Each structure stands twice: as structure tokens, then as C-alpha cells.
Amino acid sequence: MLRWTVIFIILAIIAGIFGFGGIAAGAVDIARVLFFIFIVLFVISLVTGRKKV
């Protein structure tokens, strides 16, 4: 999921450089959502931790 976040951030930067405002805004929104989902899943995995048997 982090890979998708990075891909959309790069896409937003490239679109912003070339002046495609709508495409850049859409890519930024997608990247932001994926980033927050990644952070939430990361925090949950830290809290639950790996169970040792």
C-alpha cells in the first residue's frame, strides 16, 4: 500500500509540473487517503504486535 501512495505522490508532482490541475488534485487526494490508511494499519500492527507462541 505504501507503494501506491508513493506512485500517486509522484504522479501528482509530475502532473503539477506540467500544469494538469485536476489530475494533480485527484492524485493528491488518492495519495492522501492511501497514506492515512497505511498509517492506521501501521499503528494497529504496532499495538497488536507479533504474538510469540
N, C-alpha and C. Protein backbone atom coordinates (compact mmCIF):
# COMPACT_ATOMS: atom_id res chain seq x y z
N MET A 1 0.83 -1.19 0.00
CA MET A 1 0.00 0.00 0.00
C MET A 1 0.88 1.26 0.00
N LEU A 2 2.00 1.18 0.66
CA LEU A 2 2.91 2.32 0.65
C LEU A 2 3.40 2.60 -0.77
N ARG A 3 3.56 1.54 -1.55
CA ARG A 3 3.99 1.69 -2.94
C ARG A 3 2.98 2.52 -3.73
N TRP A 4 1.67 2.26 -3.52
CA TRP A 4 0.64 3.01 -4.23
C TRP A 4 0.65 4.47 -3.81
N THR A 5 0.90 4.72 -2.53
CA THR A 5 0.97 6.10 -2.04
C THR A 5 2.09 6.85 -2.75
N VAL A 6 3.25 6.22 -2.84
CA VAL A 6 4.40 6.85 -3.49
C VAL A 6 4.11 7.07 -4.98
N ILE A 7 3.48 6.09 -5.63
CA ILE A 7 3.15 6.24 -7.05
C ILE A 7 2.24 7.43 -7.28
N PHE A 8 1.20 7.58 -6.45
CA PHE A 8 0.27 8.69 -6.64
C PHE A 8 0.90 10.03 -6.27
N ILE A 9 1.81 10.05 -5.31
CA ILE A 9 2.51 11.30 -5.00
C ILE A 9 3.38 11.73 -6.17
N ILE A 10 4.10 10.77 -6.77
CA ILE A 10 4.94 11.08 -7.93
C ILE A 10 4.07 11.53 -9.09
N LEU A 11 2.95 10.86 -9.31
CA LEU A 11 2.03 11.26 -10.37
C LEU A 11 1.51 12.67 -10.15
N ALA A 12 1.19 13.02 -8.91
CA ALA A 12 0.70 14.36 -8.61
C ALA A 12 1.78 15.41 -8.86
N ILE A 13 3.02 15.10 -8.51
CA ILE A 13 4.11 16.05 -8.73
C ILE A 13 4.34 16.26 -10.22
N ILE A 14 4.35 15.17 -10.99
CA ILE A 14 4.56 15.29 -12.44
C ILE A 14 3.40 16.06 -13.08
N ALA A 15 2.18 15.74 -12.68
CA ALA A 15 1.02 16.45 -13.23
C ALA A 15 1.05 17.92 -12.85
N GLY A 16 1.50 18.22 -11.63
CA GLY A 16 1.60 19.61 -11.19
C GLY A 16 2.65 20.38 -11.98
N ILE A 17 3.76 19.71 -12.31
CA ILE A 17 4.82 20.36 -13.10
C ILE A 17 4.29 20.71 -14.48
N PHE A 18 3.53 19.81 -15.08
CA PHE A 18 3.02 20.05 -16.42
C PHE A 18 1.74 20.88 -16.43
N GLY A 19 1.21 21.21 -15.26
CA GLY A 19 0.07 22.11 -15.18
C GLY A 19 -1.29 21.46 -15.29
N PHE A 20 -1.38 20.18 -15.05
CA PHE A 20 -2.67 19.49 -15.10
C PHE A 20 -3.29 19.56 -13.71
N GLY A 21 -3.98 20.64 -13.41
CA GLY A 21 -4.50 20.89 -12.07
C GLY A 21 -5.47 19.84 -11.58
N GLY A 22 -6.43 19.46 -12.41
CA GLY A 22 -7.43 18.48 -11.99
C GLY A 22 -6.83 17.11 -11.73
N ILE A 23 -5.91 16.70 -12.60
CA ILE A 23 -5.27 15.40 -12.44
C ILE A 23 -4.39 15.40 -11.20
N ALA A 24 -3.66 16.49 -10.99
CA ALA A 24 -2.79 16.59 -9.82
C ALA A 24 -3.60 16.57 -8.53
N ALA A 25 -4.72 17.28 -8.52
CA ALA A 25 -5.55 17.31 -7.32
C ALA A 25 -6.14 15.93 -7.03
N GLY A 26 -6.55 15.23 -8.06
CA GLY A 26 -7.09 13.89 -7.88
C GLY A 26 -6.04 12.93 -7.36
N ALA A 27 -4.84 13.02 -7.90
CA ALA A 27 -3.76 12.13 -7.46
C ALA A 27 -3.35 12.45 -6.03
N VAL A 28 -3.35 13.72 -5.67
CA VAL A 28 -3.00 14.10 -4.30
C VAL A 28 -4.05 13.56 -3.33
N ASP A 29 -5.32 13.66 -3.70
CA ASP A 29 -6.38 13.14 -2.82
C ASP A 29 -6.24 11.64 -2.62
N ILE A 30 -5.99 10.91 -3.70
CA ILE A 30 -5.82 9.46 -3.60
C ILE A 30 -4.60 9.12 -2.75
N ALA A 31 -3.50 9.82 -2.98
CA ALA A 31 -2.28 9.57 -2.21
C ALA A 31 -2.50 9.87 -0.73
N ARG A 32 -3.25 10.92 -0.43
CA ARG A 32 -3.53 11.28 0.96
C ARG A 32 -4.35 10.19 1.65
N VAL A 33 -5.38 9.70 0.98
CA VAL A 33 -6.21 8.65 1.55
C VAL A 33 -5.40 7.38 1.79
N LEU A 34 -4.61 6.99 0.79
CA LEU A 34 -3.78 5.78 0.94
C LEU A 34 -2.76 5.95 2.05
N PHE A 35 -2.21 7.15 2.19
CA PHE A 35 -1.22 7.40 3.24
C PHE A 35 -1.85 7.25 4.61
N PHE A 36 -3.04 7.80 4.81
CA PHE A 36 -3.69 7.69 6.12
C PHE A 36 -4.11 6.25 6.42
N ILE A 37 -4.55 5.52 5.40
CA ILE A 37 -4.87 4.10 5.61
C ILE A 37 -3.62 3.34 6.01
N PHE A 38 -2.50 3.62 5.34
CA PHE A 38 -1.23 2.98 5.68
C PHE A 38 -0.82 3.29 7.11
N ILE A 39 -0.95 4.55 7.53
CA ILE A 39 -0.57 4.94 8.89
C ILE A 39 -1.44 4.22 9.92
N VAL A 40 -2.74 4.16 9.67
CA VAL A 40 -3.65 3.49 10.61
C VAL A 40 -3.31 2.01 10.73
N LEU A 41 -3.08 1.34 9.60
CA LEU A 41 -2.72 -0.07 9.64
C LEU A 41 -1.37 -0.29 10.34
N PHE A 42 -0.44 0.64 10.13
CA PHE A 42 0.87 0.53 10.77
C PHE A 42 0.73 0.66 12.29
N VAL A 43 -0.06 1.62 12.75
CA VAL A 43 -0.26 1.81 14.19
C VAL A 43 -0.96 0.59 14.80
N ILE A 44 -1.96 0.06 14.09
CA ILE A 44 -2.65 -1.14 14.59
C ILE A 44 -1.68 -2.31 14.70
N SER A 45 -0.82 -2.46 13.71
CA SER A 45 0.14 -3.57 13.77
C SER A 45 1.15 -3.36 14.90
N LEU A 46 1.50 -2.11 15.21
CA LEU A 46 2.41 -1.86 16.33
C LEU A 46 1.74 -2.17 17.66
N VAL A 47 0.47 -1.82 17.78
CA VAL A 47 -0.26 -2.03 19.04
C VAL A 47 -0.48 -3.51 19.28
N THR A 48 -0.94 -4.22 18.27
CA THR A 48 -1.20 -5.64 18.46
C THR A 48 0.08 -6.44 18.57
N GLY A 49 1.08 -6.05 17.83
CA GLY A 49 2.38 -6.72 17.91
C GLY A 49 2.32 -8.15 17.40
N ARG A 50 3.49 -8.74 17.35
CA ARG A 50 3.59 -10.14 16.93
C ARG A 50 3.48 -11.02 18.16
N LYS A 51 2.55 -11.93 18.12
CA LYS A 51 2.34 -12.84 19.24
C LYS A 51 3.37 -13.95 19.24
N LYS A 52 4.07 -14.12 20.35
CA LYS A 52 5.03 -15.21 20.47
C LYS A 52 4.36 -16.41 21.08
N VAL A 53 4.55 -17.56 20.50
CA VAL A 53 3.90 -18.78 20.98
C VAL A 53 4.80 -19.52 21.91
